[in-house]
Protein backbone atom coordinates (compact mmCIF):
# COMPACT_ATOMS: atom_id res chain seq x y z
CA MET A 1 71.58 4.78 -3.64
CA GLN A 2 70.98 1.08 -2.92
CA ILE A 3 70.46 -1.62 -5.56
CA ILE A 4 69.76 -5.34 -5.20
CA ASP A 5 72.93 -7.16 -6.29
CA ALA A 6 72.08 -10.01 -8.68
CA ARG A 7 74.70 -12.28 -7.08
CA THR A 8 73.89 -11.83 -3.39
CA LEU A 9 70.24 -10.68 -3.69
CA GLN A 10 71.11 -8.13 -0.99
CA ALA A 11 70.56 -4.38 -1.10
CA THR A 12 74.01 -2.93 -1.79
CA GLU A 13 75.14 0.67 -1.65
CA VAL A 14 76.40 2.05 -4.95
CA ARG A 15 79.93 3.19 -4.24
CA ARG A 16 81.15 6.48 -5.63
CA ARG A 17 84.73 7.21 -6.46
CA PRO A 18 86.53 10.35 -5.29
CA GLY A 19 85.14 13.26 -7.25
CA GLY A 20 81.75 11.59 -7.65
CA LEU A 21 82.59 9.47 -10.71
CA LEU A 22 80.59 6.29 -11.35
CA ARG A 23 81.62 3.76 -14.02
CA VAL A 24 78.83 1.58 -15.41
CA CYS A 25 79.29 -1.30 -17.85
CA VAL A 26 76.40 -2.85 -19.83
CA HIS A 27 76.82 -6.44 -21.08
CA THR A 28 74.61 -7.27 -24.07
CA SER A 29 74.39 -10.51 -26.01
CA LEU A 30 74.08 -9.47 -29.66
CA VAL A 31 74.94 -13.00 -30.74
CA ASP A 32 72.66 -13.39 -33.76
CA SER A 33 70.15 -11.25 -31.83
CA VAL A 34 69.73 -13.86 -29.07
CA ASP A 35 67.89 -11.42 -26.83
CA GLY A 36 67.36 -8.10 -28.55
CA PRO A 37 64.62 -6.96 -26.12
CA GLY A 38 66.73 -7.93 -23.11
CA ASP A 39 69.73 -6.10 -24.53
CA LEU A 40 67.61 -3.01 -25.13
CA ARG A 41 66.23 -3.16 -21.62
CA ALA A 42 69.73 -3.46 -20.16
CA LEU A 43 70.66 -0.22 -21.91
CA LEU A 44 67.44 1.35 -20.61
CA ILE A 45 68.29 0.42 -17.02
CA ALA A 46 71.73 1.95 -17.48
CA ASP A 47 70.03 5.11 -18.73
CA VAL A 48 67.78 5.24 -15.64
CA LEU A 49 70.81 4.82 -13.39
CA PHE A 50 72.61 7.55 -15.34
CA ARG A 51 69.71 9.99 -14.90
CA ILE A 52 69.30 9.33 -11.17
CA ALA A 53 73.03 9.73 -10.59
CA GLU A 54 72.89 12.96 -12.57
CA LEU A 55 70.20 14.28 -10.21
CA ASP A 56 72.61 13.55 -7.36
CA GLY A 57 75.44 15.43 -9.04
CA THR A 58 77.37 12.25 -9.90
CA GLN A 59 79.21 11.95 -13.20
CA VAL A 60 78.60 8.63 -14.95
CA ILE A 61 80.73 6.98 -17.63
CA THR A 62 78.91 4.15 -19.39
CA SER A 63 80.60 1.38 -21.37
CA TRP A 64 78.87 -1.10 -23.65
CA VAL A 65 80.47 -4.54 -23.74
CA GLU A 66 79.34 -6.37 -26.86
CA SER A 67 79.72 -10.11 -27.20
CA TYR A 68 79.17 -9.62 -30.93
CA PRO A 69 80.43 -6.12 -31.74
CA LEU A 70 80.01 -6.36 -35.53
CA GLU A 71 77.35 -4.56 -37.51
CA PRO A 72 74.47 -4.61 -38.32
CA GLY A 73 73.32 -6.04 -34.97
CA ALA A 74 74.94 -3.31 -32.90
CA GLN A 75 73.60 -0.65 -35.25
CA GLY A 76 70.06 -1.94 -34.89
CA LEU A 77 70.30 -1.99 -31.11
CA ALA A 78 71.73 1.53 -31.08
CA ARG A 79 68.87 2.78 -33.28
CA ALA A 80 66.28 1.16 -31.00
CA ALA A 81 67.96 2.70 -27.95
CA GLY A 82 67.76 6.11 -29.60
CA LEU A 83 64.02 5.70 -30.16
CA LEU A 84 63.63 5.05 -26.42
CA GLY A 85 65.58 8.18 -25.48
CA ILE A 86 68.52 6.23 -24.07
CA HIS A 87 71.82 8.05 -23.65
CA PRO A 88 74.37 6.35 -25.93
CA PRO A 89 77.26 4.75 -24.01
CA GLU A 90 80.47 6.76 -24.14
CA GLN A 91 82.56 3.66 -24.85
CA ARG A 92 82.15 0.41 -26.79
CA THR A 93 84.49 -2.42 -25.99
CA PRO A 94 84.84 -6.16 -26.85
CA ASP A 95 83.69 -8.91 -24.52
CA ALA A 96 87.24 -9.68 -23.44
CA ALA A 97 87.58 -6.29 -21.74
CA LEU A 98 86.80 -6.80 -18.07
CA THR A 99 87.36 -3.17 -17.19
CA ALA A 100 86.21 0.04 -18.78
CA ALA A 101 87.83 0.92 -22.07
CA SER A 102 89.86 3.52 -20.21
CA GLY A 103 91.37 0.78 -18.05
CA SER A 104 89.61 1.88 -14.86
CA PRO A 105 87.66 -0.55 -12.64
CA ILE A 106 83.92 -0.91 -13.10
CA ASP A 107 81.55 0.08 -10.28
CA VAL A 108 78.29 -1.35 -11.66
CA ARG A 109 77.67 -4.07 -14.24
CA ILE A 110 74.27 -4.42 -15.91
CA ILE A 111 73.73 -7.88 -17.37
CA SER A 112 71.32 -8.70 -20.21
CA PRO A 113 69.18 -11.82 -19.54
CA ALA A 114 71.10 -13.80 -22.20
CA VAL A 115 74.50 -13.04 -20.64
CA ARG A 116 75.98 -15.15 -17.85
CA THR A 117 76.23 -13.29 -14.54
CA PRO A 118 79.86 -12.97 -13.38
CA GLN A 119 80.47 -15.04 -10.25
CA ALA A 120 83.07 -12.87 -8.58
CA GLY A 121 84.23 -9.29 -8.49
CA PRO A 122 84.07 -6.18 -6.32
CA GLU A 123 81.52 -4.39 -8.48
CA LEU A 124 77.74 -4.36 -8.01
CA VAL A 125 75.82 -6.45 -10.57
CA ILE A 126 72.33 -5.53 -11.78
CA GLY A 127 70.40 -8.38 -13.34
CA VAL A 128 67.79 -7.76 -16.03
CA GLY A 129 64.62 -9.84 -16.04
CA LEU A 130 63.36 -11.71 -19.09
CA THR A 131 61.99 -9.25 -21.61
CA ARG A 132 59.60 -9.51 -24.53
CA LEU A 133 58.29 -6.80 -26.84
CA PRO A 134 55.21 -7.17 -29.05
CA GLY A 135 57.31 -6.48 -32.13
CA ALA A 136 60.00 -4.23 -33.52
CA LEU A 137 59.82 -0.59 -32.50
CA GLU A 138 59.15 0.28 -36.14
CA THR A 139 56.02 -1.86 -35.89
CA VAL A 140 54.94 -0.04 -32.74
CA THR A 141 55.38 3.29 -34.51
CA ALA A 142 53.52 2.06 -37.60
CA GLN A 143 50.55 1.24 -35.35
CA GLY A 144 50.40 4.89 -34.29
CA HIS A 145 52.06 4.47 -30.89
CA ASP A 146 54.86 6.66 -29.59
CA PRO A 147 58.06 4.60 -29.15
CA LEU A 148 58.39 6.19 -25.71
CA ALA A 149 55.26 4.25 -24.76
CA VAL A 150 57.48 1.15 -24.92
CA ARG A 151 59.92 2.86 -22.55
CA LEU A 152 57.05 3.69 -20.19
CA ALA A 153 55.70 0.13 -20.36
CA LEU A 154 59.14 -1.30 -19.52
CA LEU A 155 59.58 1.15 -16.63
CA ALA A 156 56.40 -0.27 -15.09
CA HIS A 157 58.50 -3.35 -14.19
CA GLY A 158 61.41 -3.52 -11.76
CA HIS A 159 64.74 -4.25 -13.41
CA GLY A 160 64.89 -7.82 -12.11
CA GLN A 161 61.27 -8.63 -12.95
CA GLN A 162 60.00 -10.18 -16.13
CA ALA A 163 58.61 -7.67 -18.61
CA LEU A 164 56.72 -9.76 -21.14
CA LEU A 165 54.93 -6.99 -23.01
CA GLY A 166 52.02 -7.68 -25.29
CA PRO A 167 50.25 -5.27 -27.67
CA GLU A 168 47.77 -4.28 -24.96
CA ASP A 169 50.58 -3.23 -22.61
CA VAL A 170 51.97 -0.83 -25.18
CA THR A 171 48.49 0.47 -26.03
CA GLN A 172 47.76 1.19 -22.36
CA ALA A 173 51.15 2.85 -21.87
CA ASP A 174 50.59 4.99 -24.96
CA ALA A 175 47.20 6.12 -23.62
CA LEU A 176 48.71 6.97 -20.23
CA LEU A 177 51.55 8.86 -21.89
CA HIS A 178 49.12 10.89 -23.99
CA ARG A 179 46.94 11.67 -20.97
CA TRP A 180 49.84 12.78 -18.79
CA ARG A 181 51.28 14.98 -21.54
CA GLN A 182 47.93 16.69 -21.97
CA ARG A 183 47.58 17.23 -18.23
CA VAL A 184 51.12 18.55 -17.85
CA ALA A 185 50.37 21.01 -20.69
CA THR A 186 47.22 22.14 -18.88
CA TRP A 187 48.93 22.42 -15.50
CA ALA A 188 51.71 24.50 -17.08
CA ASP A 189 49.25 27.41 -17.33
CA ALA A 190 48.66 27.42 -13.57
CA PRO A 191 50.59 29.70 -11.19
CA SER A 192 53.94 28.21 -10.24
CA ARG A 193 54.06 26.28 -6.96
CA PRO A 194 56.71 24.13 -5.25
CA MET A 195 56.69 20.40 -5.90
CA HIS A 196 54.18 18.39 -3.88
CA ALA A 197 56.36 17.55 -0.88
CA ALA A 198 54.96 14.12 -0.01
CA THR A 199 55.12 12.92 -3.61
CA ALA A 200 58.62 14.34 -4.08
CA ARG A 201 59.77 12.31 -1.07
CA ARG A 202 58.20 9.17 -2.56
CA LEU A 203 59.93 9.84 -5.87
CA ASP A 204 63.35 10.32 -4.31
CA ALA A 205 62.93 7.20 -2.17
CA ALA A 206 61.96 5.18 -5.24
CA PHE A 207 64.86 6.54 -7.29
CA HIS A 208 67.36 5.54 -4.63
CA GLN A 209 65.93 2.17 -3.61
CA ASP A 210 66.69 -0.32 -6.38
CA LEU A 211 65.79 2.06 -9.24
CA ASP A 212 62.12 1.50 -8.37
CA THR A 213 60.46 3.05 -11.41
CA PRO A 214 57.15 1.19 -10.80
CA ALA A 215 56.88 3.06 -7.48
CA VAL A 216 57.56 6.32 -9.34
CA LEU A 217 54.65 5.65 -11.69
CA ASP A 218 52.40 4.75 -8.75
CA ALA A 219 53.29 8.02 -7.01
CA LEU A 220 52.44 10.02 -10.13
CA ARG A 221 49.12 8.22 -10.56
CA GLY A 222 48.24 9.13 -6.98
CA LEU A 223 49.24 12.76 -7.42
CA GLU A 224 47.28 13.06 -10.66
CA THR A 225 43.95 12.71 -8.85
CA GLU A 226 44.78 13.72 -5.28
CA PRO A 227 42.31 16.44 -4.24
CA GLY A 228 43.45 19.82 -3.03
CA VAL A 229 46.85 19.86 -4.77
CA PRO A 230 47.53 23.06 -6.76
CA ASP A 231 48.01 22.39 -10.46
CA GLY A 232 51.31 24.24 -10.31
CA SER A 233 52.58 21.68 -7.80
CA ARG A 234 51.41 18.79 -9.97
CA PHE A 235 53.24 20.34 -12.91
CA GLU A 236 56.55 20.79 -11.10
CA THR A 237 56.43 17.27 -9.63
CA PHE A 238 55.62 15.56 -12.93
CA VAL A 239 58.38 17.47 -14.73
CA TYR A 240 60.85 16.52 -11.98
CA ALA A 241 59.93 12.82 -12.30
CA ASP A 242 60.39 13.05 -16.06
CA ARG A 243 64.06 13.88 -15.58
CA VAL A 244 64.42 10.14 -14.86
CA LEU A 245 61.45 8.67 -16.72
CA ALA A 246 62.45 10.64 -19.84
CA VAL A 247 59.16 10.12 -21.67
CA GLU A 248 58.83 13.79 -22.66
CA LEU A 249 55.91 14.66 -20.41
CA PRO A 250 56.23 18.42 -21.19
CA ARG A 251 56.05 17.78 -24.96
CA GLU A 252 52.55 19.22 -25.43
CA ILE A 253 53.15 22.51 -23.61
CA GLY A 254 52.25 25.32 -25.99
CA ARG A 255 50.69 22.97 -28.53
CA THR A 256 47.26 22.54 -26.97
């Protein structure tokens, strides 16, 4: 897996320790909620990395370094992360801790937009682009949208790109999410087939080249309407992609 390092702007191979262990550390601001959306997105990017590594058989230990570890700010961020289906970090540690809470060196640091990027160190650094949400996730839910539509809308942007979401972005993501869930439920009734080989290759390339979730979404859009593909193949490929996207594409199976 290669990721663009925020310090060098070069594609850098993610190093694995003996035994396949990968230690990831997320730096959030949480100073009077300076950048709540950016903090949430940093945790989301860590979750995407976790899921891709899991596909590769790599064990990931995630730490959350909080500049302001007191409640209720951390509680609110944790609740929002749960609504987006983000794996909770195994460890929480104060800002002064420059290694994982276990004392082991960090392999990858993910830096919220409001946090200063470290200037030196052997680890790979993932920068998070400026992020804006159209409101609190509770507001999104109150408007009838699935919170996972926010996750999908954020995944339409590369981790270093700006993601300045407005209400229309969430509305469009919610509609796409609903449509794909309905289609996956329909395809589930078709005879089983192997994944669509060309799309599966595109997915794996996107997963392993800078966590390119926008390319994953583009590949799925193409497969959705590509003629001549058995519905069973579409089903298996969409479900495979959802192991990383984690927007519950199979949710409607058996309900329709």
